[in-house]
C-alpha atoms as a PDB file:
ATOM      1  CA  MET A   1       5.932  26.465  17.138  1.00  0.00           C
ATOM      2  CA  SER A   2       7.478  25.828  20.557  1.00  0.00           C
ATOM      3  CA  THR A   3       6.657  22.489  22.198  1.00  0.00           C
ATOM      4  CA  HIS A   4       7.886  23.353  25.679  1.00  0.00           C
ATOM      5  CA  ARG A   5       4.380  23.706  27.114  1.00  0.00           C
ATOM      6  CA  PHE A   6       2.652  20.629  25.651  1.00  0.00           C
ATOM      7  CA  PHE A   7       3.354  17.122  24.337  1.00  0.00           C
ATOM      8  CA  ALA A   8       4.715  17.233  20.801  1.00  0.00           C
ATOM      9  CA  ASN A   9       2.362  15.832  18.169  1.00  0.00           C
ATOM     10  CA  ARG A  10       3.907  12.686  16.701  1.00  0.00           C
ATOM     11  CA  HIS A  11       0.943  10.668  15.507  1.00  0.00           C
ATOM     12  CA  GLU A  12      -1.497  10.500  12.614  1.00  0.00           C
ATOM     13  CA  GLU A  13      -4.825   8.717  12.467  1.00  0.00           C
ATOM     14  CA  ALA A  14      -5.924   6.444   9.633  1.00  0.00           C
ATOM     15  CA  ILE A  15      -9.597   5.822   8.900  1.00  0.00           C
ATOM     16  CA  TRP A  16     -10.531   2.340   7.672  1.00  0.00           C
ATOM     17  CA  LEU A  17     -13.886   2.198   5.863  1.00  0.00           C
ATOM     18  CA  SER A  18     -15.651  -0.753   4.247  1.00  0.00           C
ATOM     19  CA  LYS A  19     -19.030  -0.988   2.503  1.00  0.00           C
ATOM     20  CA  THR A  20     -19.619  -4.474   3.951  1.00  0.00           C
ATOM     21  CA  ASN A  21     -18.142  -6.873   6.496  1.00  0.00           C
ATOM     22  CA  LYS A  22     -16.817  -9.011   3.651  1.00  0.00           C
ATOM     23  CA  TYR A  23     -13.549  -7.159   3.200  1.00  0.00           C
ATOM     24  CA  TYR A  24     -10.126  -8.638   2.496  1.00  0.00           C
ATOM     25  CA  PHE A  25      -7.606  -8.664   5.334  1.00  0.00           C
ATOM     26  CA  ASP A  26      -4.351 -10.641   5.429  1.00  0.00           C
ATOM     27  CA  LEU A  27      -2.963 -10.515   8.953  1.00  0.00           C
ATOM     28  CA  ASP A  28      -0.130 -12.950   8.242  1.00  0.00           C
ATOM     29  CA  ALA A  29       1.313 -10.559   5.643  1.00  0.00           C
ATOM     30  CA  VAL A  30       1.924  -7.872   8.258  1.00  0.00           C
ATOM     31  CA  ARG A  31       2.692  -9.780  11.446  1.00  0.00           C
ATOM     32  CA  VAL A  32       5.598  -8.477  13.538  1.00  0.00           C
ATOM     33  CA  PRO A  33       8.163 -11.223  14.342  1.00  0.00           C
ATOM     34  CA  PHE A  34       8.963 -12.001  17.963  1.00  0.00           C
ATOM     35  CA  ASP A  35      12.584 -11.855  19.019  1.00  0.00           C
ATOM     36  CA  GLU A  36      14.144 -15.227  19.839  1.00  0.00           C
ATOM     37  CA  GLU A  37      13.996 -14.714  23.597  1.00  0.00           C
ATOM     38  CA  THR A  38      10.291 -13.852  23.547  1.00  0.00           C
ATOM     39  CA  LYS A  39       9.579 -16.690  21.137  1.00  0.00           C
ATOM     40  CA  ALA A  40      11.277 -19.222  23.433  1.00  0.00           C
ATOM     41  CA  MET A  41       9.332 -17.917  26.442  1.00  0.00           C
ATOM     42  CA  TYR A  42       5.974 -18.132  24.667  1.00  0.00           C
ATOM     43  CA  LYS A  43       6.660 -21.667  23.429  1.00  0.00           C
ATOM     44  CA  LYS A  44       6.839 -22.802  27.041  1.00  0.00           C
ATOM     45  CA  ASP A  45       3.200 -21.844  27.467  1.00  0.00           C
ATOM     46  CA  LYS A  46       1.229 -24.898  26.299  1.00  0.00           C
ATOM     47  CA  ARG A  47      -1.905 -22.787  25.844  1.00  0.00           C
ATOM     48  CA  LEU A  48      -0.322 -20.942  22.914  1.00  0.00           C
ATOM     49  CA  ASN A  49      -0.175 -22.229  19.345  1.00  0.00           C
ATOM     50  CA  PRO A  50       3.506 -22.721  18.319  1.00  0.00           C
ATOM     51  CA  GLU A  51       2.601 -22.011  14.682  1.00  0.00           C
ATOM     52  CA  SER A  52       1.139 -18.625  15.590  1.00  0.00           C
ATOM     53  CA  ILE A  53       4.214 -17.821  17.651  1.00  0.00           C
ATOM     54  CA  GLU A  54       6.440 -18.489  14.643  1.00  0.00           C
ATOM     55  CA  LYS A  55       4.292 -16.228  12.467  1.00  0.00           C
ATOM     56  CA  GLY A  56       4.626 -13.289  14.841  1.00  0.00           C
ATOM     57  CA  LYS A  57       2.212 -10.933  16.548  1.00  0.00           C
ATOM     58  CA  ASN A  58      -0.630  -8.760  15.360  1.00  0.00           C
ATOM     59  CA  PRO A  59       0.786  -5.220  14.904  1.00  0.00           C
ATOM     60  CA  THR A  60      -2.372  -3.825  16.563  1.00  0.00           C
ATOM     61  CA  ASN A  61      -3.830  -0.471  15.541  1.00  0.00           C
ATOM     62  CA  VAL A  62      -0.966   1.516  17.061  1.00  0.00           C
ATOM     63  CA  TRP A  63       2.107   1.491  14.807  1.00  0.00           C
ATOM     64  CA  GLU A  64       5.481   2.880  15.779  1.00  0.00           C
ATOM     65  CA  ILE A  65       7.068   3.865  12.474  1.00  0.00           C
ATOM     66  CA  GLY A  66       9.524   6.749  12.421  1.00  0.00           C
ATOM     67  CA  ARG A  67       8.731   9.956  10.553  1.00  0.00           C
ATOM     68  CA  LEU A  68      10.786  10.901   7.511  1.00  0.00           C
ATOM     69  CA  ASN A  69      13.459  13.422   8.419  1.00  0.00           C
ATOM     70  CA  GLY A  70      14.561  16.103   5.993  1.00  0.00           C
ATOM     71  CA  ASN A  71      17.493  14.164   4.533  1.00  0.00           C
ATOM     72  CA  SER A  72      15.836  10.734   4.356  1.00  0.00           C
ATOM     73  CA  VAL A  73      16.736   8.723   1.259  1.00  0.00           C
ATOM     74  CA  GLU A  74      13.000   8.104   0.758  1.00  0.00           C
ATOM     75  CA  ARG A  75      12.312  11.803   0.234  1.00  0.00           C
ATOM     76  CA  VAL A  76      11.148  12.875  -3.239  1.00  0.00           C
ATOM     77  CA  GLY A  77      10.196  16.477  -2.450  1.00  0.00           C
ATOM     78  CA  HIS A  78       6.547  16.195  -1.441  1.00  0.00           C
ATOM     79  CA  PRO A  79       5.846  18.200   1.749  1.00  0.00           C
ATOM     80  CA  THR A  80       3.655  15.553   3.445  1.00  0.00           C
ATOM     81  CA  GLN A  81       5.228  12.357   2.131  1.00  0.00           C
ATOM     82  CA  LYS A  82       4.490   9.254   4.215  1.00  0.00           C
ATOM     83  CA  PRO A  83       7.082   6.582   5.112  1.00  0.00           C
ATOM     84  CA  LEU A  84       7.189   3.586   2.782  1.00  0.00           C
ATOM     85  CA  GLU A  85       6.532   1.096   5.556  1.00  0.00           C
ATOM     86  CA  ILE A  86       3.217   2.686   6.524  1.00  0.00           C
ATOM     87  CA  ILE A  87       1.842   2.386   3.000  1.00  0.00           C
ATOM     88  CA  ARG A  88       3.391  -1.069   2.578  1.00  0.00           C
ATOM     89  CA  ARG A  89       1.556  -2.352   5.644  1.00  0.00           C
ATOM     90  CA  PHE A  90      -1.767  -1.082   4.306  1.00  0.00           C
ATOM     91  CA  VAL A  91      -1.160  -2.549   0.845  1.00  0.00           C
ATOM     92  CA  ARG A  92      -0.057  -5.944   2.144  1.00  0.00           C
ATOM     93  CA  ALA A  93      -2.885  -6.284   4.648  1.00  0.00           C
ATOM     94  CA  LEU A  94      -5.790  -4.907   2.604  1.00  0.00           C
ATOM     95  CA  SER A  95      -5.030  -6.133  -0.927  1.00  0.00           C
ATOM     96  CA  TYR A  96      -3.729  -9.279  -2.582  1.00  0.00           C
ATOM     97  CA  GLU A  97      -1.279  -9.776  -5.437  1.00  0.00           C
ATOM     98  CA  SER A  98      -2.668  -8.702  -8.834  1.00  0.00           C
ATOM     99  CA  SER A  99      -5.508  -6.742  -7.217  1.00  0.00           C
ATOM    100  CA  ILE A 100      -6.082  -3.051  -7.972  1.00  0.00           C
ATOM    101  CA  VAL A 101      -5.209  -0.334  -5.439  1.00  0.00           C
ATOM    102  CA  LEU A 102      -6.750   3.096  -6.037  1.00  0.00           C
ATOM    103  CA  GLY A 103      -5.189   6.266  -4.623  1.00  0.00           C
ATOM    104  CA  PHE A 104      -7.565   9.226  -4.940  1.00  0.00           C
ATOM    105  CA  PHE A 105      -5.041  11.694  -3.501  1.00  0.00           C
ATOM    106  CA  ALA A 106      -1.763  10.237  -4.713  1.00  0.00           C
ATOM    107  CA  GLY A 107       0.488  12.970  -3.323  1.00  0.00           C
ATOM    108  CA  SER A 108       4.068  11.844  -3.892  1.00  0.00           C
ATOM    109  CA  GLY A 109       2.988   8.650  -5.682  1.00  0.00           C
ATOM    110  CA  ILE A 110       4.318   6.437  -2.918  1.00  0.00           C
ATOM    111  CA  THR A 111       1.348   4.062  -3.186  1.00  0.00           C
ATOM    112  CA  GLY A 112       2.253   3.370  -6.810  1.00  0.00           C
ATOM    113  CA  ARG A 113       5.822   2.546  -5.840  1.00  0.00           C
ATOM    114  CA  VAL A 114       4.731   0.151  -3.091  1.00  0.00           C
ATOM    115  CA  CYS A 115       2.288  -1.548  -5.474  1.00  0.00           C
ATOM    116  CA  ILE A 116       5.095  -2.158  -7.965  1.00  0.00           C
ATOM    117  CA  GLU A 117       7.237  -3.701  -5.228  1.00  0.00           C
ATOM    118  CA  GLU A 118       4.330  -5.757  -3.860  1.00  0.00           C
ATOM    119  CA  ASN A 119       3.005  -6.941  -7.249  1.00  0.00           C
ATOM    120  CA  ARG A 120      -0.276  -4.993  -7.316  1.00  0.00           C
ATOM    121  CA  HIS A 121      -1.937  -2.872  -9.976  1.00  0.00           C
ATOM    122  CA  SER A 122      -2.286   0.779  -9.010  1.00  0.00           C
ATOM    123  CA  ILE A 123      -4.348   3.741 -10.188  1.00  0.00           C
ATOM    124  CA  MET A 124      -3.192   7.118  -8.879  1.00  0.00           C
ATOM    125  CA  VAL A 125      -5.126  10.383  -9.193  1.00  0.00           C
ATOM    126  CA  ASP A 126      -4.047  13.846  -8.071  1.00  0.00           C
ATOM    127  CA  ALA A 127      -4.845  17.462  -9.014  1.00  0.00           C
ATOM    128  CA  ASP A 128      -1.170  18.427  -8.634  1.00  0.00           C
ATOM    129  CA  ALA A 129       0.815  17.960 -11.844  1.00  0.00           C
ATOM    130  CA  SER A 130       3.961  17.509  -9.713  1.00  0.00           C
ATOM    131  CA  LEU A 131       2.845  13.923  -9.112  1.00  0.00           C
ATOM    132  CA  THR A 132       4.637  12.895 -12.300  1.00  0.00           C
ATOM    133  CA  ALA A 133       7.978  14.301 -11.128  1.00  0.00           C
ATOM    134  CA  TYR A 134       7.591  12.885  -7.615  1.00  0.00           C
ATOM    135  CA  PHE A 135       6.748   9.442  -8.935  1.00  0.00           C
ATOM    136  CA  LYS A 136       9.732   9.521 -11.305  1.00  0.00           C
ATOM    137  CA  LYS A 137      12.000  10.053  -8.291  1.00  0.00           C
ATOM    138  CA  HIS A 138      10.351   7.101  -6.541  1.00  0.00           C
ATOM    139  CA  ILE A 139      11.150   4.899  -9.535  1.00  0.00           C
ATOM    140  CA  GLU A 140      14.766   6.114  -9.463  1.00  0.00           C
ATOM    141  CA  ASN A 141      15.004   5.396  -5.733  1.00  0.00           C
ATOM    142  CA  MET A 142      13.641   1.883  -6.250  1.00  0.00           C
ATOM    143  CA  GLY A 143      16.594   0.885  -8.385  1.00  0.00           C
ATOM    144  CA  THR A 144      16.521  -2.589  -9.866  1.00  0.00           C
ATOM    145  CA  SER A 145      16.076  -5.981  -8.282  1.00  0.00           C
ATOM    146  CA  PHE A 146      16.496  -9.487  -9.659  1.00  0.00           C
ATOM    147  CA  PHE A 147      13.209 -10.476  -8.008  1.00  0.00           C
ATOM    148  CA  GLN A 148      11.211  -7.489  -9.264  1.00  0.00           C
ATOM    149  CA  LYS A 149       8.605  -8.371 -11.846  1.00  0.00           C
ATOM    150  CA  PRO A 150       8.069  -6.258 -14.992  1.00  0.00           C
ATOM    151  CA  TYR A 151       5.739  -3.295 -14.713  1.00  0.00           C
ATOM    152  CA  GLN A 152       4.221  -0.707 -17.023  1.00  0.00           C
ATOM    153  CA  ILE A 153       3.478   2.965 -16.317  1.00  0.00           C
ATOM    154  CA  ILE A 154       0.679   4.683 -18.238  1.00  0.00           C
ATOM    155  CA  LYS A 155      -0.135   8.382 -17.893  1.00  0.00           C
ATOM    156  CA  ASP A 156      -3.486  10.149 -18.470  1.00  0.00           C
ATOM    157  CA  VAL A 157      -5.556   7.134 -19.433  1.00  0.00           C
ATOM    158  CA  ASP A 158      -9.220   6.387 -19.931  1.00  0.00           C
ATOM    159  CA  ILE A 159     -10.252   4.594 -16.741  1.00  0.00           C
ATOM    160  CA  LYS A 160     -12.623   2.148 -18.441  1.00  0.00           C
ATOM    161  CA  GLU A 161      -9.970   1.145 -20.963  1.00  0.00           C
ATOM    162  CA  LEU A 162      -7.419   0.851 -18.169  1.00  0.00           C
ATOM    163  CA  ILE A 163      -9.565  -1.510 -16.100  1.00  0.00           C
ATOM    164  CA  THR A 164     -10.131  -3.679 -19.167  1.00  0.00           C
ATOM    165  CA  GLN A 165      -6.398  -3.753 -19.854  1.00  0.00           C
ATOM    166  CA  MET A 166      -5.618  -4.678 -16.270  1.00  0.00           C
ATOM    167  CA  LYS A 167      -8.012  -7.604 -16.425  1.00  0.00           C
ATOM    168  CA  GLU A 168      -6.558  -8.786 -19.726  1.00  0.00           C
ATOM    169  CA  GLN A 169      -2.982  -8.637 -18.444  1.00  0.00           C
ATOM    170  CA  SER A 170      -3.733 -10.508 -15.227  1.00  0.00           C
ATOM    171  CA  VAL A 171      -3.822 -14.276 -15.285  1.00  0.00           C
ATOM    172  CA  MET A 172      -6.758 -16.071 -13.695  1.00  0.00           C
ATOM    173  CA  ILE A 173      -6.368 -15.954  -9.927  1.00  0.00           C
ATOM    174  CA  ASP A 174      -8.223 -17.527  -7.033  1.00  0.00           C
ATOM    175  CA  THR A 175     -10.280 -14.787  -5.422  1.00  0.00           C
ATOM    176  CA  PRO A 176      -9.686 -14.785  -1.652  1.00  0.00           C
ATOM    177  CA  ASP A 177     -12.465 -15.851   0.676  1.00  0.00           C
ATOM    178  CA  PHE A 178     -14.038 -12.620   1.921  1.00  0.00           C
ATOM    179  CA  SER A 179     -15.603 -14.256   4.963  1.00  0.00           C
ATOM    180  CA  GLU A 180     -16.955 -12.000   7.687  1.00  0.00           C
ATOM    181  CA  ASP A 181     -14.491 -13.103  10.309  1.00  0.00           C
ATOM    182  CA  CYS A 182     -11.632 -12.889   7.780  1.00  0.00           C
ATOM    183  CA  GLN A 183      -9.523 -15.256   9.884  1.00  0.00           C
ATOM    184  CA  GLU A 184      -8.755 -17.860   7.254  1.00  0.00           C
ATOM    185  CA  GLU A 185      -7.969 -16.636   3.736  1.00  0.00           C
ATOM    186  CA  GLU A 186      -7.418 -18.827   0.704  1.00  0.00           C
ATOM    187  CA  SER A 187      -4.031 -18.624  -0.991  1.00  0.00           C
ATOM    188  CA  VAL A 188      -3.811 -16.244  -3.928  1.00  0.00           C
ATOM    189  CA  ALA A 189      -1.951 -17.241  -7.078  1.00  0.00           C
ATOM    190  CA  THR A 190       0.484 -14.539  -8.155  1.00  0.00           C
ATOM    191  CA  SER A 191       0.240 -12.907 -11.540  1.00  0.00           C
ATOM    192  CA  GLN A 192       3.052 -13.576 -14.010  1.00  0.00           C
ATOM    193  CA  ARG A 193       1.989 -10.669 -16.185  1.00  0.00           C
ATOM    194  CA  GLU A 194       2.857  -7.009 -15.921  1.00  0.00           C
ATOM    195  CA  ARG A 195       1.318  -4.845 -13.275  1.00  0.00           C
ATOM    196  CA  ILE A 196       0.165  -1.454 -14.352  1.00  0.00           C
ATOM    197  CA  VAL A 197       0.767   1.725 -12.446  1.00  0.00           C
ATOM    198  CA  ALA A 198      -1.380   4.465 -13.912  1.00  0.00           C
ATOM    199  CA  HIS A 199      -1.707   8.020 -12.840  1.00  0.00           C
ATOM    200  CA  GLU A 200      -4.015  10.717 -14.077  1.00  0.00           C
ATOM    201  CA  VAL A 201      -3.109  14.316 -13.367  1.00  0.00           C
ATOM    202  CA  ALA A 202      -5.716  17.074 -13.620  1.00  0.00           C
ATOM    203  CA  ALA A 203      -4.261  20.219 -15.190  1.00  0.00           C
ATOM    204  CA  ASN A 204      -6.085  22.382 -12.646  1.00  0.00           C
ATOM    205  CA  HIS A 205      -9.062  22.293 -10.304  1.00  0.00           C
ATOM    206  CA  SER A 206     -11.341  24.265 -12.633  1.00  0.00           C
ATOM    207  CA  GLU A 207     -10.814  21.694 -15.380  1.00  0.00           C
ATOM    208  CA  ARG A 208     -11.785  18.943 -12.948  1.00  0.00           C
ATOM    209  CA  LYS A 209     -14.944  20.834 -11.942  1.00  0.00           C
ATOM    210  CA  GLU A 210     -15.989  21.175 -15.594  1.00  0.00           C
ATOM    211  CA  GLU A 211     -15.644  17.409 -16.027  1.00  0.00           C
ATOM    212  CA  LEU A 212     -17.867  16.793 -13.003  1.00  0.00           C
ATOM    213  CA  LYS A 213     -20.596  19.033 -14.422  1.00  0.00           C
ATOM    214  CA  MET A 214     -20.920  16.978 -17.603  1.00  0.00           C
END
């Protein structure tokens, strides 16, 4: 469609929902660093906290992250694949290491990849059987890293058994302080065990509907 008669659409909206005000949010994990010139200028202002300046700024709720072009190395074939850095920012800010991230509409499986890299458990669900192939490409694109912790991928699992296994394979951690203002969070001990990335693929929509009727 021609964009000569209107502004081209280059944004997507994300909806953030929480059942209570006691949600987890780690701002420090997603702060955007100041450049050295800006940092030096801000440090001259005695009203500002030097420690906060060193940490960086709040990324706000408007993020400028480039779209994936057709030949991007991140591409795995999914038509609406999101950039890694968008999902990484969500995962870092809204979950802590060894916690469980659930993706109801897994798409390309990018959430599972980010969770492996960020040391989280992940459960991915999608009606499209292509999820398996997409996710395999993500794993290939990840390569290997000396700092990457071991992980395990399980396909088509019983959710109750999976949750039990995740709890057994995670060491005892200090649960963050889910205070209402969420300004000061307790440190979270990292898990030395394997994270689990699990994905369940429904063979088709009719099969899923039959399960819901039971």
